[in-house]
C-alpha atoms as a PDB file:
ATOM      1  CA  MET A   1      25.358   4.139 -10.308  1.00  0.00           C
ATOM      2  CA  LYS A   2      22.237   2.523 -11.145  1.00  0.00           C
ATOM      3  CA  THR A   3      20.376   0.939  -8.309  1.00  0.00           C
ATOM      4  CA  LEU A   4      19.419  -2.721  -8.799  1.00  0.00           C
ATOM      5  CA  PHE A   5      15.740  -1.733  -9.296  1.00  0.00           C
ATOM      6  CA  ASN A   6      17.022   0.603 -12.485  1.00  0.00           C
ATOM      7  CA  ALA A   7      18.796  -2.299 -14.004  1.00  0.00           C
ATOM      8  CA  LEU A   8      15.866  -4.928 -13.421  1.00  0.00           C
ATOM      9  CA  ILE A   9      13.324  -3.089 -15.324  1.00  0.00           C
ATOM     10  CA  SER A  10      15.665  -2.230 -18.787  1.00  0.00           C
ATOM     11  CA  ALA A  11      14.952  -5.724 -19.683  1.00  0.00           C
ATOM     12  CA  ALA A  12      11.148  -6.292 -19.121  1.00  0.00           C
ATOM     13  CA  ALA A  13      10.594  -2.540 -20.570  1.00  0.00           C
ATOM     14  CA  LEU A  14      10.307  -3.597 -24.444  1.00  0.00           C
ATOM     15  CA  SER A  15       7.974  -6.573 -23.501  1.00  0.00           C
ATOM     16  CA  LEU A  16       5.795  -4.457 -21.810  1.00  0.00           C
ATOM     17  CA  SER A  17       5.359  -2.088 -24.562  1.00  0.00           C
ATOM     18  CA  MET A  18       4.507  -4.745 -27.041  1.00  0.00           C
ATOM     19  CA  LEU A  19       1.837  -6.368 -24.875  1.00  0.00           C
ATOM     20  CA  ALA A  20       0.124  -2.915 -23.771  1.00  0.00           C
ATOM     21  CA  SER A  21      -0.255  -2.363 -27.675  1.00  0.00           C
ATOM     22  CA  ALA A  22      -2.554  -5.020 -27.599  1.00  0.00           C
ATOM     23  CA  ALA A  23      -4.531  -4.649 -24.307  1.00  0.00           C
ATOM     24  CA  PRO A  24      -8.413  -5.026 -24.679  1.00  0.00           C
ATOM     25  CA  ALA A  25     -10.869  -1.981 -23.019  1.00  0.00           C
ATOM     26  CA  PRO A  26     -10.572  -2.163 -19.480  1.00  0.00           C
ATOM     27  CA  LYS A  27     -13.254  -3.203 -16.983  1.00  0.00           C
ATOM     28  CA  GLY A  28     -12.572  -0.348 -15.210  1.00  0.00           C
ATOM     29  CA  ASP A  29     -10.376   1.719 -13.152  1.00  0.00           C
ATOM     30  CA  VAL A  30      -8.758   1.373  -9.962  1.00  0.00           C
ATOM     31  CA  LEU A  31      -6.988   3.990  -7.950  1.00  0.00           C
ATOM     32  CA  VAL A  32      -3.277   2.888  -6.603  1.00  0.00           C
ATOM     33  CA  LEU A  33      -2.316   5.413  -3.289  1.00  0.00           C
ATOM     34  CA  LEU A  34       1.280   5.572  -2.905  1.00  0.00           C
ATOM     35  CA  SER A  35       3.560   7.405  -0.698  1.00  0.00           C
ATOM     36  CA  SER A  36       5.494  10.550  -1.767  1.00  0.00           C
ATOM     37  CA  GLU A  37       8.056  10.315   0.743  1.00  0.00           C
ATOM     38  CA  THR A  38      11.607   8.016   1.240  1.00  0.00           C
ATOM     39  CA  VAL A  39      12.739   8.654   4.770  1.00  0.00           C
ATOM     40  CA  LEU A  40      10.642   6.895   7.682  1.00  0.00           C
ATOM     41  CA  PRO A  41      11.333   8.640  10.942  1.00  0.00           C
ATOM     42  CA  LEU A  42      12.396   6.730  13.693  1.00  0.00           C
ATOM     43  CA  ARG A  43      12.961   7.654  17.776  1.00  0.00           C
ATOM     44  CA  ASP A  44      15.588  10.135  18.707  1.00  0.00           C
ATOM     45  CA  GLY A  45      15.476  11.732  15.377  1.00  0.00           C
ATOM     46  CA  LYS A  46      16.965   8.796  13.730  1.00  0.00           C
ATOM     47  CA  THR A  47      15.690   8.079  10.283  1.00  0.00           C
ATOM     48  CA  PHE A  48      15.825   4.935   7.947  1.00  0.00           C
ATOM     49  CA  PRO A  49      15.323   5.082   3.786  1.00  0.00           C
ATOM     50  CA  SER A  50      11.693   3.778   2.667  1.00  0.00           C
ATOM     51  CA  GLY A  51       9.535   3.220  -0.137  1.00  0.00           C
ATOM     52  CA  TYR A  52       6.871   0.699  -1.741  1.00  0.00           C
ATOM     53  CA  TYR A  53       7.612  -2.841  -1.539  1.00  0.00           C
ATOM     54  CA  LEU A  54       7.943  -4.244  -4.831  1.00  0.00           C
ATOM     55  CA  ASN A  55       5.851  -7.153  -4.653  1.00  0.00           C
ATOM     56  CA  GLU A  56       3.192  -5.719  -2.593  1.00  0.00           C
ATOM     57  CA  PHE A  57       2.805  -3.071  -5.141  1.00  0.00           C
ATOM     58  CA  GLY A  58       3.757  -4.826  -8.391  1.00  0.00           C
ATOM     59  CA  VAL A  59       2.073  -8.301  -8.051  1.00  0.00           C
ATOM     60  CA  PRO A  60      -1.375  -7.271  -7.079  1.00  0.00           C
ATOM     61  CA  ALA A  61      -0.973  -4.108  -9.703  1.00  0.00           C
ATOM     62  CA  ASP A  62       0.080  -6.870 -12.469  1.00  0.00           C
ATOM     63  CA  ALA A  63      -2.980  -9.386 -11.512  1.00  0.00           C
ATOM     64  CA  LEU A  64      -5.511  -6.457 -11.812  1.00  0.00           C
ATOM     65  CA  GLN A  65      -4.231  -5.427 -15.320  1.00  0.00           C
ATOM     66  CA  GLN A  66      -4.205  -9.106 -16.444  1.00  0.00           C
ATOM     67  CA  ALA A  67      -7.798  -9.238 -14.971  1.00  0.00           C
ATOM     68  CA  GLY A  68      -8.653  -6.319 -17.178  1.00  0.00           C
ATOM     69  CA  TYR A  69      -8.675  -2.915 -15.128  1.00  0.00           C
ATOM     70  CA  ARG A  70      -6.591   0.291 -15.706  1.00  0.00           C
ATOM     71  CA  LEU A  71      -4.600   1.828 -13.176  1.00  0.00           C
ATOM     72  CA  THR A  72      -4.080   5.268 -11.995  1.00  0.00           C
ATOM     73  CA  VAL A  73      -1.147   5.879  -9.677  1.00  0.00           C
ATOM     74  CA  VAL A  74      -1.335   8.573  -7.257  1.00  0.00           C
ATOM     75  CA  THR A  75       0.892   9.832  -4.775  1.00  0.00           C
ATOM     76  CA  PRO A  76       0.218  13.125  -2.134  1.00  0.00           C
ATOM     77  CA  ARG A  77       2.733  15.471  -4.447  1.00  0.00           C
ATOM     78  CA  GLY A  78       2.478  13.868  -7.671  1.00  0.00           C
ATOM     79  CA  ASN A  79       6.086  12.674  -7.419  1.00  0.00           C
ATOM     80  CA  ARG A  80       7.184   9.461  -8.649  1.00  0.00           C
ATOM     81  CA  PRO A  81       7.319   6.805  -5.753  1.00  0.00           C
ATOM     82  CA  GLN A  82      10.314   5.205  -4.808  1.00  0.00           C
ATOM     83  CA  VAL A  83      11.061   1.279  -3.936  1.00  0.00           C
ATOM     84  CA  ASP A  84      12.403   0.084  -0.970  1.00  0.00           C
ATOM     85  CA  GLN A  85      15.584  -1.505  -2.314  1.00  0.00           C
ATOM     86  CA  ARG A  86      15.195  -4.027   0.447  1.00  0.00           C
ATOM     87  CA  SER A  87      12.056  -5.539  -1.252  1.00  0.00           C
ATOM     88  CA  VAL A  88      14.210  -6.173  -4.388  1.00  0.00           C
ATOM     89  CA  ASP A  89      14.949  -9.580  -3.471  1.00  0.00           C
ATOM     90  CA  PRO A  90      13.655 -13.105  -5.253  1.00  0.00           C
ATOM     91  CA  GLN A  91      12.489 -14.095  -1.718  1.00  0.00           C
ATOM     92  CA  TYR A  92       9.308 -11.855  -2.323  1.00  0.00           C
ATOM     93  CA  PHE A  93       8.856 -13.649  -5.519  1.00  0.00           C
ATOM     94  CA  ARG A  94       9.024 -17.189  -4.477  1.00  0.00           C
ATOM     95  CA  GLY A  95      12.759 -17.279  -5.273  1.00  0.00           C
ATOM     96  CA  ASP A  96      11.915 -16.360  -8.997  1.00  0.00           C
ATOM     97  CA  ALA A  97      14.253 -13.969  -9.875  1.00  0.00           C
ATOM     98  CA  GLN A  98      12.668 -13.827 -13.543  1.00  0.00           C
ATOM     99  CA  GLU A  99       9.194 -13.279 -12.081  1.00  0.00           C
ATOM    100  CA  MET A 100      10.818 -10.063  -9.679  1.00  0.00           C
ATOM    101  CA  ARG A 101      12.276  -8.823 -12.922  1.00  0.00           C
ATOM    102  CA  ARG A 102       8.961  -8.796 -14.882  1.00  0.00           C
ATOM    103  CA  ILE A 103       7.171  -7.503 -11.825  1.00  0.00           C
ATOM    104  CA  ALA A 104       9.756  -4.576 -11.759  1.00  0.00           C
ATOM    105  CA  GLY A 105       8.746  -4.024 -15.473  1.00  0.00           C
ATOM    106  CA  VAL A 106       5.094  -3.709 -14.450  1.00  0.00           C
ATOM    107  CA  VAL A 107       5.902  -1.492 -12.032  1.00  0.00           C
ATOM    108  CA  GLU A 108       8.146   0.617 -14.299  1.00  0.00           C
ATOM    109  CA  GLN A 109       5.677   1.226 -16.598  1.00  0.00           C
ATOM    110  CA  LEU A 110       2.891   2.483 -14.102  1.00  0.00           C
ATOM    111  CA  THR A 111       5.309   4.873 -12.594  1.00  0.00           C
ATOM    112  CA  GLN A 112       6.772   7.201 -15.220  1.00  0.00           C
ATOM    113  CA  ALA A 113       6.612  10.131 -14.120  1.00  0.00           C
ATOM    114  CA  ASP A 114       4.132  11.490 -16.608  1.00  0.00           C
ATOM    115  CA  GLN A 115       1.519   8.860 -15.554  1.00  0.00           C
ATOM    116  CA  VAL A 116       1.599   9.635 -11.762  1.00  0.00           C
ATOM    117  CA  LYS A 117      -1.037  12.135 -10.741  1.00  0.00           C
ATOM    118  CA  ALA A 118      -1.071  14.321  -7.481  1.00  0.00           C
ATOM    119  CA  LEU A 119      -3.470  13.337  -4.769  1.00  0.00           C
ATOM    120  CA  PRO A 120      -5.205  16.961  -5.126  1.00  0.00           C
ATOM    121  CA  ASP A 121      -5.615  16.811  -8.730  1.00  0.00           C
ATOM    122  CA  VAL A 122      -7.532  13.489  -8.470  1.00  0.00           C
ATOM    123  CA  LEU A 123      -9.671  14.474  -5.849  1.00  0.00           C
ATOM    124  CA  ALA A 124     -10.358  17.587  -8.027  1.00  0.00           C
ATOM    125  CA  SER A 125     -11.597  15.429 -10.774  1.00  0.00           C
ATOM    126  CA  GLY A 126     -13.625  13.077  -8.878  1.00  0.00           C
ATOM    127  CA  LEU A 127     -13.501   9.998  -7.591  1.00  0.00           C
ATOM    128  CA  ASP A 128     -16.351   8.388  -9.261  1.00  0.00           C
ATOM    129  CA  ARG A 129     -15.062   6.735 -12.182  1.00  0.00           C
ATOM    130  CA  TYR A 130     -12.794   4.630  -9.737  1.00  0.00           C
ATOM    131  CA  ALA A 131     -13.931   1.194  -9.062  1.00  0.00           C
ATOM    132  CA  ALA A 132     -11.418   0.455  -6.040  1.00  0.00           C
ATOM    133  CA  VAL A 133      -8.639   1.779  -3.927  1.00  0.00           C
ATOM    134  CA  PHE A 134      -5.619  -0.209  -3.755  1.00  0.00           C
ATOM    135  CA  ILE A 135      -2.632   0.943  -1.431  1.00  0.00           C
ATOM    136  CA  PRO A 136       0.484  -1.202  -1.283  1.00  0.00           C
ATOM    137  CA  GLY A 137       3.064  -1.664   1.741  1.00  0.00           C
ATOM    138  CA  GLY A 138       6.316  -0.552   2.501  1.00  0.00           C
ATOM    139  CA  HIS A 139       7.249   1.694   5.608  1.00  0.00           C
ATOM    140  CA  ALA A 140       6.282   4.832   3.598  1.00  0.00           C
ATOM    141  CA  PRO A 141       2.564   5.186   4.288  1.00  0.00           C
ATOM    142  CA  MET A 142       3.536   5.825   7.803  1.00  0.00           C
ATOM    143  CA  ILE A 143       5.197   8.917   6.807  1.00  0.00           C
ATOM    144  CA  ASP A 144       2.526  10.537   4.625  1.00  0.00           C
ATOM    145  CA  LEU A 145      -0.806   8.661   4.376  1.00  0.00           C
ATOM    146  CA  ALA A 146      -1.971   8.045   7.580  1.00  0.00           C
ATOM    147  CA  ASN A 147      -1.846  11.505   9.115  1.00  0.00           C
ATOM    148  CA  ASN A 148      -3.363  13.121   5.861  1.00  0.00           C
ATOM    149  CA  PRO A 149      -6.690  14.618   5.505  1.00  0.00           C
ATOM    150  CA  LEU A 150      -7.081  14.254   1.649  1.00  0.00           C
ATOM    151  CA  VAL A 151      -6.261  10.442   1.759  1.00  0.00           C
ATOM    152  CA  GLY A 152      -9.143  10.570   4.478  1.00  0.00           C
ATOM    153  CA  ASP A 153     -11.262  11.887   1.629  1.00  0.00           C
ATOM    154  CA  VAL A 154     -10.570   9.447  -0.722  1.00  0.00           C
ATOM    155  CA  LEU A 155     -11.312   6.611   1.760  1.00  0.00           C
ATOM    156  CA  ARG A 156     -14.550   8.050   2.634  1.00  0.00           C
ATOM    157  CA  HIS A 157     -15.616   7.599  -0.756  1.00  0.00           C
ATOM    158  CA  PHE A 158     -14.863   4.556  -0.983  1.00  0.00           C
ATOM    159  CA  HIS A 159     -16.459   3.700   2.168  1.00  0.00           C
ATOM    160  CA  ALA A 160     -19.655   5.751   1.508  1.00  0.00           C
ATOM    161  CA  ASN A 161     -20.152   4.018  -1.819  1.00  0.00           C
ATOM    162  CA  GLY A 162     -19.274   0.580  -0.573  1.00  0.00           C
ATOM    163  CA  LYS A 163     -16.623   0.129  -3.057  1.00  0.00           C
ATOM    164  CA  PRO A 164     -13.378  -1.974  -2.620  1.00  0.00           C
ATOM    165  CA  THR A 165     -10.426  -0.855  -0.361  1.00  0.00           C
ATOM    166  CA  ALA A 166      -7.507  -3.163  -0.397  1.00  0.00           C
ATOM    167  CA  ALA A 167      -4.402  -2.404   1.399  1.00  0.00           C
ATOM    168  CA  ILE A 168      -1.423  -5.030   2.273  1.00  0.00           C
ATOM    169  CA  CYS A 169       1.088  -5.022   4.789  1.00  0.00           C
ATOM    170  CA  HIS A 170       1.812  -1.416   6.162  1.00  0.00           C
ATOM    171  CA  GLY A 171      -0.485  -0.208   3.510  1.00  0.00           C
ATOM    172  CA  PRO A 172      -3.625  -0.880   5.886  1.00  0.00           C
ATOM    173  CA  ILE A 173      -1.870   2.031   8.717  1.00  0.00           C
ATOM    174  CA  THR A 174      -3.160   4.764   5.739  1.00  0.00           C
ATOM    175  CA  LEU A 175      -7.052   3.762   7.005  1.00  0.00           C
ATOM    176  CA  LEU A 176      -6.146   5.852  10.289  1.00  0.00           C
ATOM    177  CA  ALA A 177      -6.320   8.977   7.690  1.00  0.00           C
ATOM    178  CA  ALA A 178     -10.141   8.601   7.925  1.00  0.00           C
ATOM    179  CA  GLN A 179     -10.846  10.000  11.244  1.00  0.00           C
ATOM    180  CA  ASP A 180     -11.381  13.436  12.722  1.00  0.00           C
ATOM    181  CA  ASP A 181      -7.699  14.730  13.325  1.00  0.00           C
ATOM    182  CA  PRO A 182      -5.679  12.430  11.517  1.00  0.00           C
ATOM    183  CA  ALA A 183      -2.617  14.510  11.924  1.00  0.00           C
ATOM    184  CA  GLY A 184      -2.956  14.911  15.379  1.00  0.00           C
ATOM    185  CA  TYR A 185      -3.345  11.081  16.076  1.00  0.00           C
ATOM    186  CA  GLU A 186      -0.297  10.189  14.324  1.00  0.00           C
ATOM    187  CA  ARG A 187       1.759  12.656  16.237  1.00  0.00           C
ATOM    188  CA  ARG A 188       0.757  11.012  19.229  1.00  0.00           C
ATOM    189  CA  LEU A 189       1.077   7.317  18.185  1.00  0.00           C
ATOM    190  CA  GLY A 190       3.471   5.877  20.620  1.00  0.00           C
ATOM    191  CA  ASN A 191       2.660   7.758  23.539  1.00  0.00           C
ATOM    192  CA  ALA A 192       0.167   5.820  26.339  1.00  0.00           C
ATOM    193  CA  ASP A 193      -2.723   8.330  25.816  1.00  0.00           C
ATOM    194  CA  THR A 194      -3.486   7.883  22.047  1.00  0.00           C
ATOM    195  CA  GLY A 195      -6.544   6.075  22.884  1.00  0.00           C
ATOM    196  CA  ARG A 196      -9.238   5.321  20.074  1.00  0.00           C
ATOM    197  CA  ALA A 197      -9.317   7.327  16.969  1.00  0.00           C
ATOM    198  CA  GLN A 198     -12.516   9.494  17.233  1.00  0.00           C
ATOM    199  CA  GLY A 199     -15.008   9.615  13.931  1.00  0.00           C
ATOM    200  CA  TRP A 200     -12.870   6.600  12.474  1.00  0.00           C
ATOM    201  CA  ILE A 201     -14.777   5.256   9.805  1.00  0.00           C
ATOM    202  CA  TYR A 202     -13.486   1.523  10.167  1.00  0.00           C
ATOM    203  CA  SER A 203     -13.893   1.374  13.783  1.00  0.00           C
ATOM    204  CA  GLY A 204     -14.811  -1.998  14.756  1.00  0.00           C
ATOM    205  CA  TYR A 205     -13.927  -3.537  11.413  1.00  0.00           C
ATOM    206  CA  ARG A 206     -11.981  -6.833  11.053  1.00  0.00           C
ATOM    207  CA  MET A 207      -8.807  -5.814   9.510  1.00  0.00           C
ATOM    208  CA  THR A 208      -4.918  -7.168   9.639  1.00  0.00           C
ATOM    209  CA  ILE A 209      -1.688  -5.477   8.887  1.00  0.00           C
ATOM    210  CA  PHE A 210       1.948  -6.118   9.637  1.00  0.00           C
ATOM    211  CA  ALA A 211       2.058  -8.311  12.995  1.00  0.00           C
ATOM    212  CA  ASP A 212       3.957  -7.170  15.927  1.00  0.00           C
ATOM    213  CA  ALA A 213       6.022 -10.615  15.537  1.00  0.00           C
ATOM    214  CA  GLU A 214       7.112  -9.600  11.945  1.00  0.00           C
ATOM    215  CA  GLU A 215       7.781  -5.791  13.089  1.00  0.00           C
ATOM    216  CA  ALA A 216      10.072  -6.909  15.688  1.00  0.00           C
ATOM    217  CA  ALA A 217      12.004  -8.951  13.063  1.00  0.00           C
ATOM    218  CA  PHE A 218      12.142  -5.811  11.053  1.00  0.00           C
ATOM    219  CA  GLU A 219      13.072  -3.472  14.152  1.00  0.00           C
ATOM    220  CA  ALA A 220      15.934  -5.837  15.044  1.00  0.00           C
ATOM    221  CA  SER A 221      17.910  -5.073  11.515  1.00  0.00           C
ATOM    222  CA  LEU A 222      18.284  -1.378  12.401  1.00  0.00           C
ATOM    223  CA  ASN A 223      21.095  -1.689  14.311  1.00  0.00           C
ATOM    224  CA  GLY A 224      19.556  -0.803  17.793  1.00  0.00           C
ATOM    225  CA  ASP A 225      17.484   1.890  16.075  1.00  0.00           C
ATOM    226  CA  LYS A 226      13.678   2.015  16.968  1.00  0.00           C
ATOM    227  CA  LEU A 227      10.550   2.382  15.417  1.00  0.00           C
ATOM    228  CA  ARG A 228       8.128   5.368  16.446  1.00  0.00           C
ATOM    229  CA  TYR A 229       5.343   2.754  16.805  1.00  0.00           C
ATOM    230  CA  TYR A 230       4.165  -0.576  15.841  1.00  0.00           C
ATOM    231  CA  PRO A 231       1.232  -0.389  13.244  1.00  0.00           C
ATOM    232  CA  ALA A 232      -0.354  -3.188  14.451  1.00  0.00           C
ATOM    233  CA  ARG A 233      -0.689  -1.805  18.199  1.00  0.00           C
ATOM    234  CA  ALA A 234      -1.584   1.334  16.528  1.00  0.00           C
ATOM    235  CA  MET A 235      -4.560   0.129  14.530  1.00  0.00           C
ATOM    236  CA  ALA A 236      -5.990  -1.676  17.436  1.00  0.00           C
ATOM    237  CA  THR A 237      -5.471   1.176  19.753  1.00  0.00           C
ATOM    238  CA  ALA A 238      -7.773   3.365  17.167  1.00  0.00           C
ATOM    239  CA  GLY A 239     -10.485   0.604  17.514  1.00  0.00           C
ATOM    240  CA  GLY A 240      -9.912  -2.020  14.479  1.00  0.00           C
ATOM    241  CA  ASP A 241     -10.810  -5.598  15.124  1.00  0.00           C
ATOM    242  CA  MET A 242      -7.314  -7.151  14.444  1.00  0.00           C
ATOM    243  CA  ARG A 243      -6.834 -10.689  12.983  1.00  0.00           C
ATOM    244  CA  PHE A 244      -3.528 -12.135  12.879  1.00  0.00           C
ATOM    245  CA  ALA A 245      -1.918 -15.576  11.478  1.00  0.00           C
ATOM    246  CA  LYS A 246       1.600 -16.871  12.418  1.00  0.00           C
ATOM    247  CA  PRO A 247       4.141 -14.552  10.881  1.00  0.00           C
ATOM    248  CA  TRP A 248       5.149 -14.539   7.460  1.00  0.00           C
ATOM    249  CA  ALA A 249       2.305 -16.724   6.621  1.00  0.00           C
ATOM    250  CA  PRO A 250      -0.193 -15.273   3.881  1.00  0.00           C
ATOM    251  CA  HIS A 251      -3.278 -13.992   5.500  1.00  0.00           C
ATOM    252  CA  VAL A 252      -6.373 -11.636   3.986  1.00  0.00           C
ATOM    253  CA  VAL A 253      -9.200 -10.552   6.027  1.00  0.00           C
ATOM    254  CA  VAL A 254     -12.146  -8.881   4.182  1.00  0.00           C
ATOM    255  CA  ASP A 255     -14.772  -7.430   6.399  1.00  0.00           C
ATOM    256  CA  ARG A 256     -17.692  -5.459   4.075  1.00  0.00           C
ATOM    257  CA  GLU A 257     -15.734  -3.134   1.398  1.00  0.00           C
ATOM    258  CA  LEU A 258     -12.364  -3.440   3.386  1.00  0.00           C
ATOM    259  CA  ILE A 259      -9.723  -5.631   1.961  1.00  0.00           C
ATOM    260  CA  THR A 260      -6.505  -6.014   4.107  1.00  0.00           C
ATOM    261  CA  GLY A 261      -3.342  -8.329   4.060  1.00  0.00           C
ATOM    262  CA  GLN A 262      -0.949  -8.917   6.927  1.00  0.00           C
ATOM    263  CA  ASN A 263       2.692  -9.190   5.088  1.00  0.00           C
ATOM    264  CA  PRO A 264       4.672  -9.614   1.911  1.00  0.00           C
ATOM    265  CA  PHE A 265       3.691 -12.699   1.484  1.00  0.00           C
ATOM    266  CA  SER A 266      -0.055 -11.905   1.148  1.00  0.00           C
ATOM    267  CA  ASP A 267       0.321 -10.220  -2.243  1.00  0.00           C
ATOM    268  CA  ARG A 268      -1.507 -12.889  -4.399  1.00  0.00           C
ATOM    269  CA  ALA A 269      -4.170 -13.550  -1.731  1.00  0.00           C
ATOM    270  CA  LEU A 270      -4.740  -9.764  -1.576  1.00  0.00           C
ATOM    271  CA  ALA A 271      -5.063  -9.567  -5.219  1.00  0.00           C
ATOM    272  CA  ASP A 272      -7.576 -12.780  -5.299  1.00  0.00           C
ATOM    273  CA  ALA A 273      -9.688 -11.373  -2.837  1.00  0.00           C
ATOM    274  CA  LEU A 274      -9.680  -7.639  -4.713  1.00  0.00           C
ATOM    275  CA  ILE A 275     -10.470  -8.784  -8.123  1.00  0.00           C
ATOM    276  CA  ALA A 276     -13.098 -11.225  -6.557  1.00  0.00           C
ATOM    277  CA  ALA A 277     -14.934  -7.936  -4.865  1.00  0.00           C
ATOM    278  CA  LEU A 278     -14.578  -6.266  -8.176  1.00  0.00           C
ATOM    279  CA  ALA A 279     -16.337  -9.005 -10.155  1.00  0.00           C
ATOM    280  CA  LYS A 280     -19.304  -8.754  -7.471  1.00  0.00           C
ATOM    281  CA  ARG A 281     -20.090  -5.452  -8.346  1.00  0.00           C
END
């Protein structure tokens, strides 16, 4: 049976392919980093289906393309990333189902199987060509990005070169990969003795992520199951200078090359901040 997401993209594919043939030369290349995984581990051995949030990926991606940037999608294994079905909902598109369908078509074009790159291959070919890196949310980055040393290598490149690094909602948890032992730190998350992240390149940066109150609302929908840890607490413990707006309000924090958005409703503001940062380079 087709998912709602698959049904949405069929109507948008033709018009997008027609637009692509008339696209101007790109201003630059942006790397879009997504999870390979679709099953989020919870406490007590439980799991929950996950993926990227449609608007958190598609709205900034669409804005970047309209601003003249070319996007390269990468996952750790080079497999096609999957949408979190909970995000296929007009509420994340200001109630506009037609806009949701249009963005679904944008995402479909970007995530064709032959378009998605494997992270080791992207690193091997070099990162100099990319003007920025963008990390969408959904809970999936908690599975295989925050604990991945290769992701840390990507982040260190953009950090060292002062190139924009943008992440939204749960995407900022990925920043924990740029420390001395990301896999070990991720295993300890949720314990009282986790402590500051050693060698973390973003220690002391102002940043935001999905807030505790927002995460508690999500966790309440799990029928009694519990997350292994709350991302906002993990980032604060690691050494981030966390800044939050009221729950569900659009909120973006910019500190040096780092651009972070708090929740799904920060998608447009994050896109604007990233495009503005790219324009300054």
